Protein backbone atom coordinates (compact mmCIF):
# COMPACT_ATOMS: atom_id res chain seq x y z
CA UNK A 1 0.00 0.00 0.00
CA UNK A 2 1.35 3.47 -0.91
CA UNK A 3 2.32 5.72 1.97
CA UNK A 4 0.22 8.77 1.16
CA UNK A 5 0.19 10.39 4.58
CA UNK A 6 2.42 10.37 7.63
CA UNK A 7 3.12 12.19 10.85
CA UNK A 8 6.67 13.13 11.79
CA UNK A 9 7.14 13.50 15.52
CA UNK A 10 10.18 13.64 17.76
CA UNK A 11 11.42 12.32 21.06
CA UNK A 12 11.72 15.95 22.20
CA UNK A 13 11.99 19.45 20.83
CA UNK A 14 15.08 20.40 18.81
CA UNK A 15 15.81 16.86 17.64
CA UNK A 16 15.55 17.63 13.92
CA UNK A 17 12.00 16.71 13.02
CA UNK A 18 11.54 19.86 10.92
CA UNK A 19 14.71 19.12 8.94
CA UNK A 20 13.59 15.53 8.38
CA UNK A 21 10.05 16.59 7.43
CA UNK A 22 11.33 19.26 5.06
CA UNK A 23 13.92 16.91 3.58
CA UNK A 24 11.33 14.24 2.85
CA UNK A 25 9.13 16.84 1.18
CA UNK A 26 12.05 18.21 -0.84
CA UNK A 27 13.04 14.71 -1.96
CA UNK A 28 9.55 13.99 -3.25
CA UNK A 29 9.38 17.34 -5.02
CA UNK A 30 12.79 16.74 -6.62
CA UNK A 31 11.55 13.43 -8.01
CA UNK A 32 8.37 14.96 -9.43
CA UNK A 33 6.15 13.27 -6.83
CA UNK A 34 3.37 15.52 -5.48
CA UNK A 35 3.64 16.46 -1.82
CA UNK A 36 2.12 18.87 0.67
CA UNK A 37 3.07 19.61 4.25
CA UNK A 38 1.14 20.64 7.34
CA UNK A 39 2.48 22.02 10.59
CA UNK A 40 -0.86 22.39 12.40
CA UNK A 41 0.49 24.47 15.29
CA UNK A 42 3.78 26.34 15.54
CA UNK A 43 5.02 28.42 18.43
CA UNK A 44 7.98 30.78 18.70
CA UNK A 45 7.17 32.98 15.70
CA UNK A 46 8.41 36.07 17.54
CA UNK A 47 11.93 34.79 16.81
CA UNK A 48 11.26 35.05 13.07
CA UNK A 49 9.45 38.35 12.76
CA UNK A 50 6.05 36.75 13.21
CA UNK A 51 6.49 34.20 10.43
CA UNK A 52 6.21 30.50 11.34
CA UNK A 53 9.75 29.48 10.39
CA UNK A 54 9.13 25.73 10.28
CA UNK A 55 6.09 26.19 8.06
CA UNK A 56 8.07 28.56 5.83
CA UNK A 57 10.76 25.91 5.31
CA UNK A 58 8.16 23.23 4.62
CA UNK A 59 6.48 25.48 2.07
CA UNK A 60 9.77 26.05 0.25
CA UNK A 61 10.34 22.31 0.09
CA UNK A 62 6.87 21.42 -1.19
CA UNK A 63 6.23 24.41 -3.42
CA UNK A 64 3.20 25.55 -1.44
CA UNK A 65 2.94 29.30 -2.06
CA UNK A 66 2.94 30.64 1.53
CA UNK A 67 3.96 29.50 5.01
CA UNK A 68 0.32 29.91 6.03
CA UNK A 69 -0.61 27.17 3.54
CA UNK A 70 1.31 24.75 5.79
CA UNK A 71 0.21 26.19 9.13
CA UNK A 72 -3.10 26.76 10.91
CA UNK A 73 -2.12 28.32 14.25
CA UNK A 74 1.02 30.44 14.73
CA UNK A 75 1.91 31.50 18.29
CA UNK A 76 4.44 34.13 19.27
CA UNK A 77 6.23 32.72 22.29
CA UNK A 78 8.54 29.66 22.14
CA UNK A 79 6.47 27.61 24.56
CA UNK A 80 4.29 24.52 24.48
CA UNK A 81 1.30 25.42 22.26
CA UNK A 82 -1.38 25.31 24.94
CA UNK A 83 0.66 27.54 27.25
CA UNK A 84 1.60 29.95 24.45
CA UNK A 85 -2.05 30.15 23.36
CA UNK A 86 -3.23 30.72 26.93
CA UNK A 87 -0.76 33.60 27.33
CA UNK A 88 -2.10 35.15 24.10
CA UNK A 89 -5.67 34.74 25.31
CA UNK A 90 -6.71 32.39 22.55
CA UNK A 91 -7.90 28.79 22.32
CA UNK A 92 -6.64 26.42 19.65
CA UNK A 93 -9.69 25.12 17.78
CA UNK A 94 -9.36 21.43 16.97
CA UNK A 95 -12.04 21.72 14.29
CA UNK A 96 -9.89 24.24 12.40
CA UNK A 97 -7.00 21.78 12.46
CA UNK A 98 -9.29 19.00 11.26
CA UNK A 99 -10.60 21.16 8.43
CA UNK A 100 -7.15 22.09 7.11
CA UNK A 101 -5.97 18.51 7.33
CA UNK A 102 -8.99 17.36 5.33
CA UNK A 103 -8.36 20.01 2.66
CA UNK A 104 -4.75 18.97 2.17
CA UNK A 105 -5.54 15.28 2.43
CA UNK A 106 -7.95 15.60 -0.49
CA UNK A 107 -5.17 16.82 -2.80
CA UNK A 108 -3.15 14.29 -4.85
CA UNK A 109 0.14 12.87 -3.62
CA UNK A 110 1.57 12.54 -0.13
CA UNK A 111 0.87 14.67 2.92
CA UNK A 112 3.60 15.10 5.55
CA UNK A 113 2.31 16.37 8.90
CA UNK A 114 4.90 17.66 11.35
CA UNK A 115 4.06 17.66 15.03
CA UNK A 116 5.25 20.10 17.66
CA UNK A 117 7.67 19.14 20.42
CA UNK A 118 7.43 15.50 21.46
CA UNK A 119 4.64 12.99 20.94
CA UNK A 120 2.85 13.82 24.20
CA UNK A 121 2.90 17.60 23.82
CA UNK A 122 -0.64 18.98 23.64
CA UNK A 123 -1.67 20.70 20.41
CA UNK A 124 -4.83 21.83 22.15
CA UNK A 125 -6.09 21.10 25.63
CA UNK A 126 -6.49 17.36 26.11
CA UNK A 127 -5.22 16.46 22.63
CA UNK A 128 -1.57 15.52 22.16
CA UNK A 129 0.45 15.09 18.99
CA UNK A 130 0.01 11.33 19.41
CA UNK A 131 -3.75 11.80 19.78
CA UNK A 132 -3.77 13.86 16.59
CA UNK A 133 -1.95 11.08 14.74
CA UNK A 134 -4.57 8.61 15.96
CA UNK A 135 -7.43 10.99 15.12
CA UNK A 136 -6.15 11.50 11.57
CA UNK A 137 -5.07 7.85 11.10
CA UNK A 138 -1.47 8.85 10.42
CA UNK A 139 1.34 6.31 10.38
CA UNK A 140 4.11 8.01 12.31
CA UNK A 141 7.86 8.42 11.93
CA UNK A 142 9.84 9.14 15.10
CA UNK A 143 12.93 11.36 14.90
CA UNK A 144 15.47 10.97 17.69
CA UNK A 145 18.62 13.01 18.19
CA UNK A 146 21.64 10.71 18.20
CA UNK A 147 23.01 11.57 21.62
CA UNK A 148 23.15 10.18 25.13
CA UNK A 149 19.61 9.47 26.36
CA UNK A 150 18.01 8.70 23.03
CA UNK A 151 17.48 5.01 23.81
CA UNK A 152 14.95 5.60 26.57
CA UNK A 153 13.41 8.60 24.82
CA UNK A 154 12.90 6.60 21.62
CA UNK A 155 11.42 3.58 23.36
CA UNK A 156 9.07 5.71 25.45
CA UNK A 157 7.89 7.60 22.37
CA UNK A 158 7.18 4.42 20.43
CA UNK A 159 5.37 2.97 23.44
CA UNK A 160 3.21 6.09 23.80
CA UNK A 161 2.26 6.05 20.12
CA UNK A 162 1.51 2.37 19.90
CA UNK A 163 -0.48 2.63 23.14
CA UNK A 164 -2.82 4.94 21.20
CA UNK A 165 -3.02 2.49 18.28
CA UNK A 166 -0.81 4.72 16.10
CA UNK A 167 1.20 2.63 13.60
CA UNK A 168 4.87 3.56 13.94
CA UNK A 169 6.71 3.43 10.62
CA UNK A 170 10.01 3.42 12.46
CA UNK A 171 12.65 5.52 14.17
CA UNK A 172 15.37 7.55 12.48
CA UNK A 173 18.45 8.86 14.28
CA UNK A 174 19.41 12.43 13.45
CA UNK A 175 23.07 13.40 13.80
CA UNK A 176 23.09 16.62 15.80
CA UNK A 177 26.84 17.14 16.32
CA UNK A 178 29.55 17.65 13.72
CA UNK A 179 32.79 15.71 13.87
CA UNK A 180 33.61 12.21 14.96
CA UNK A 181 30.86 10.45 16.93
CA UNK A 182 31.41 9.71 20.59
CA UNK A 183 30.89 6.36 22.29
CA UNK A 184 27.16 7.00 22.91
CA UNK A 185 26.52 8.05 19.32
CA UNK A 186 28.38 5.03 17.96
CA UNK A 187 26.55 2.55 20.17
CA UNK A 188 23.04 4.03 19.82
CA UNK A 189 22.52 2.57 16.35
CA UNK A 190 23.21 -1.01 17.36
CA UNK A 191 21.35 -0.71 20.65
CA UNK A 192 18.25 0.86 19.14
CA UNK A 193 18.16 -1.78 16.43
CA UNK A 194 18.19 -4.37 19.21
CA UNK A 195 15.72 -2.70 21.57
CA UNK A 196 13.03 -1.34 19.28
CA UNK A 197 10.01 -3.59 18.62
CA UNK A 198 9.76 -5.19 15.19
CA UNK A 199 6.70 -3.05 14.57
CA UNK A 200 8.83 0.11 14.81
CA UNK A 201 12.29 -0.63 13.37
CA UNK A 202 15.30 1.62 13.19
CA UNK A 203 15.27 3.04 9.65
CA UNK A 204 18.77 4.51 9.65
CA UNK A 205 20.51 7.78 10.38
CA UNK A 206 20.45 11.31 9.01
CA UNK A 207 23.92 12.81 8.53
CA UNK A 208 24.86 16.07 10.22
CA UNK A 209 23.40 19.01 8.29
CA UNK A 210 25.53 22.18 8.60
CA UNK A 211 23.76 25.34 9.75
CA UNK A 212 24.18 27.06 6.39
CA UNK A 213 22.48 24.16 4.57
CA UNK A 214 19.41 23.84 6.78
CA UNK A 215 17.29 26.18 4.66
CA UNK A 216 18.27 24.65 1.33
CA UNK A 217 15.79 22.11 -0.10
CA UNK A 218 18.47 20.40 -2.19
CA UNK A 219 20.71 19.78 0.82
CA UNK A 220 17.81 18.53 2.93
CA UNK A 221 16.62 16.20 0.17
CA UNK A 222 20.12 14.73 -0.10
CA UNK A 223 20.42 14.25 3.67
CA UNK A 224 17.13 12.37 3.85
CA UNK A 225 17.41 10.51 0.53
CA UNK A 226 18.08 7.10 2.09
CA UNK A 227 15.06 7.42 4.38
CA UNK A 228 12.87 8.76 1.57
CA UNK A 229 13.89 5.83 -0.58
CA UNK A 230 12.71 3.42 2.11
CA UNK A 231 9.37 5.20 2.28
CA UNK A 232 8.69 5.92 -1.37
CA UNK A 233 11.05 4.11 -3.76
CA UNK A 234 8.22 1.81 -4.91
CA UNK A 235 6.03 4.81 -5.73
CA UNK A 236 8.91 6.42 -7.62
CA UNK A 237 9.45 3.29 -9.69
CA UNK A 238 5.77 2.98 -10.55
CA UNK A 239 5.69 6.63 -11.63
CA UNK A 240 8.44 6.14 -14.18
């Protein structure tokens, strides 16, 4: 069955899920495969002049005209969405999120939905990223930063998702430090491959992406090409 929709979540914030989401979108676009992205809620826009930076990057990688095409709710402060919304005196409307998801889902090709923070962060009161994946029937990819602590964080995230009947496509390790890997980074690959359930395998690693390449669709597509091939190589072959 073709993978036409997926959620990308992380074991925490700042683990690279936006880079992975954007890279997957850029890879599809570079191969002529239709793709759209959705970042339902984004906080911290005050750090980017009011523009949702993650949504802006996703839009560049998919070809969607505006950041707002990829985003429903943009919040100023870099806080968990519910807290940021409360401080702005607004309430995040789940029905608005549902409506935008349905609009994008109806378009041809694949839809990549990027969560916010980790899997159990609320997108609105009482509804977590994991709950949203279950609500929208989204198979989910987990991004983990390859550093000390990622074993437990990855296993807990997979357990939380599967406990909500969310199919986990797998886990990908994102390299977050330049240079030679340390002992923890070297051993995480083998240990995760051993510890993860068969239902949520380790799908590989993402190489370190330098700061000056993180806004370039071509560089992101290259960094995620191995992962994208796992997800969509069959679709690419059938399209030729």
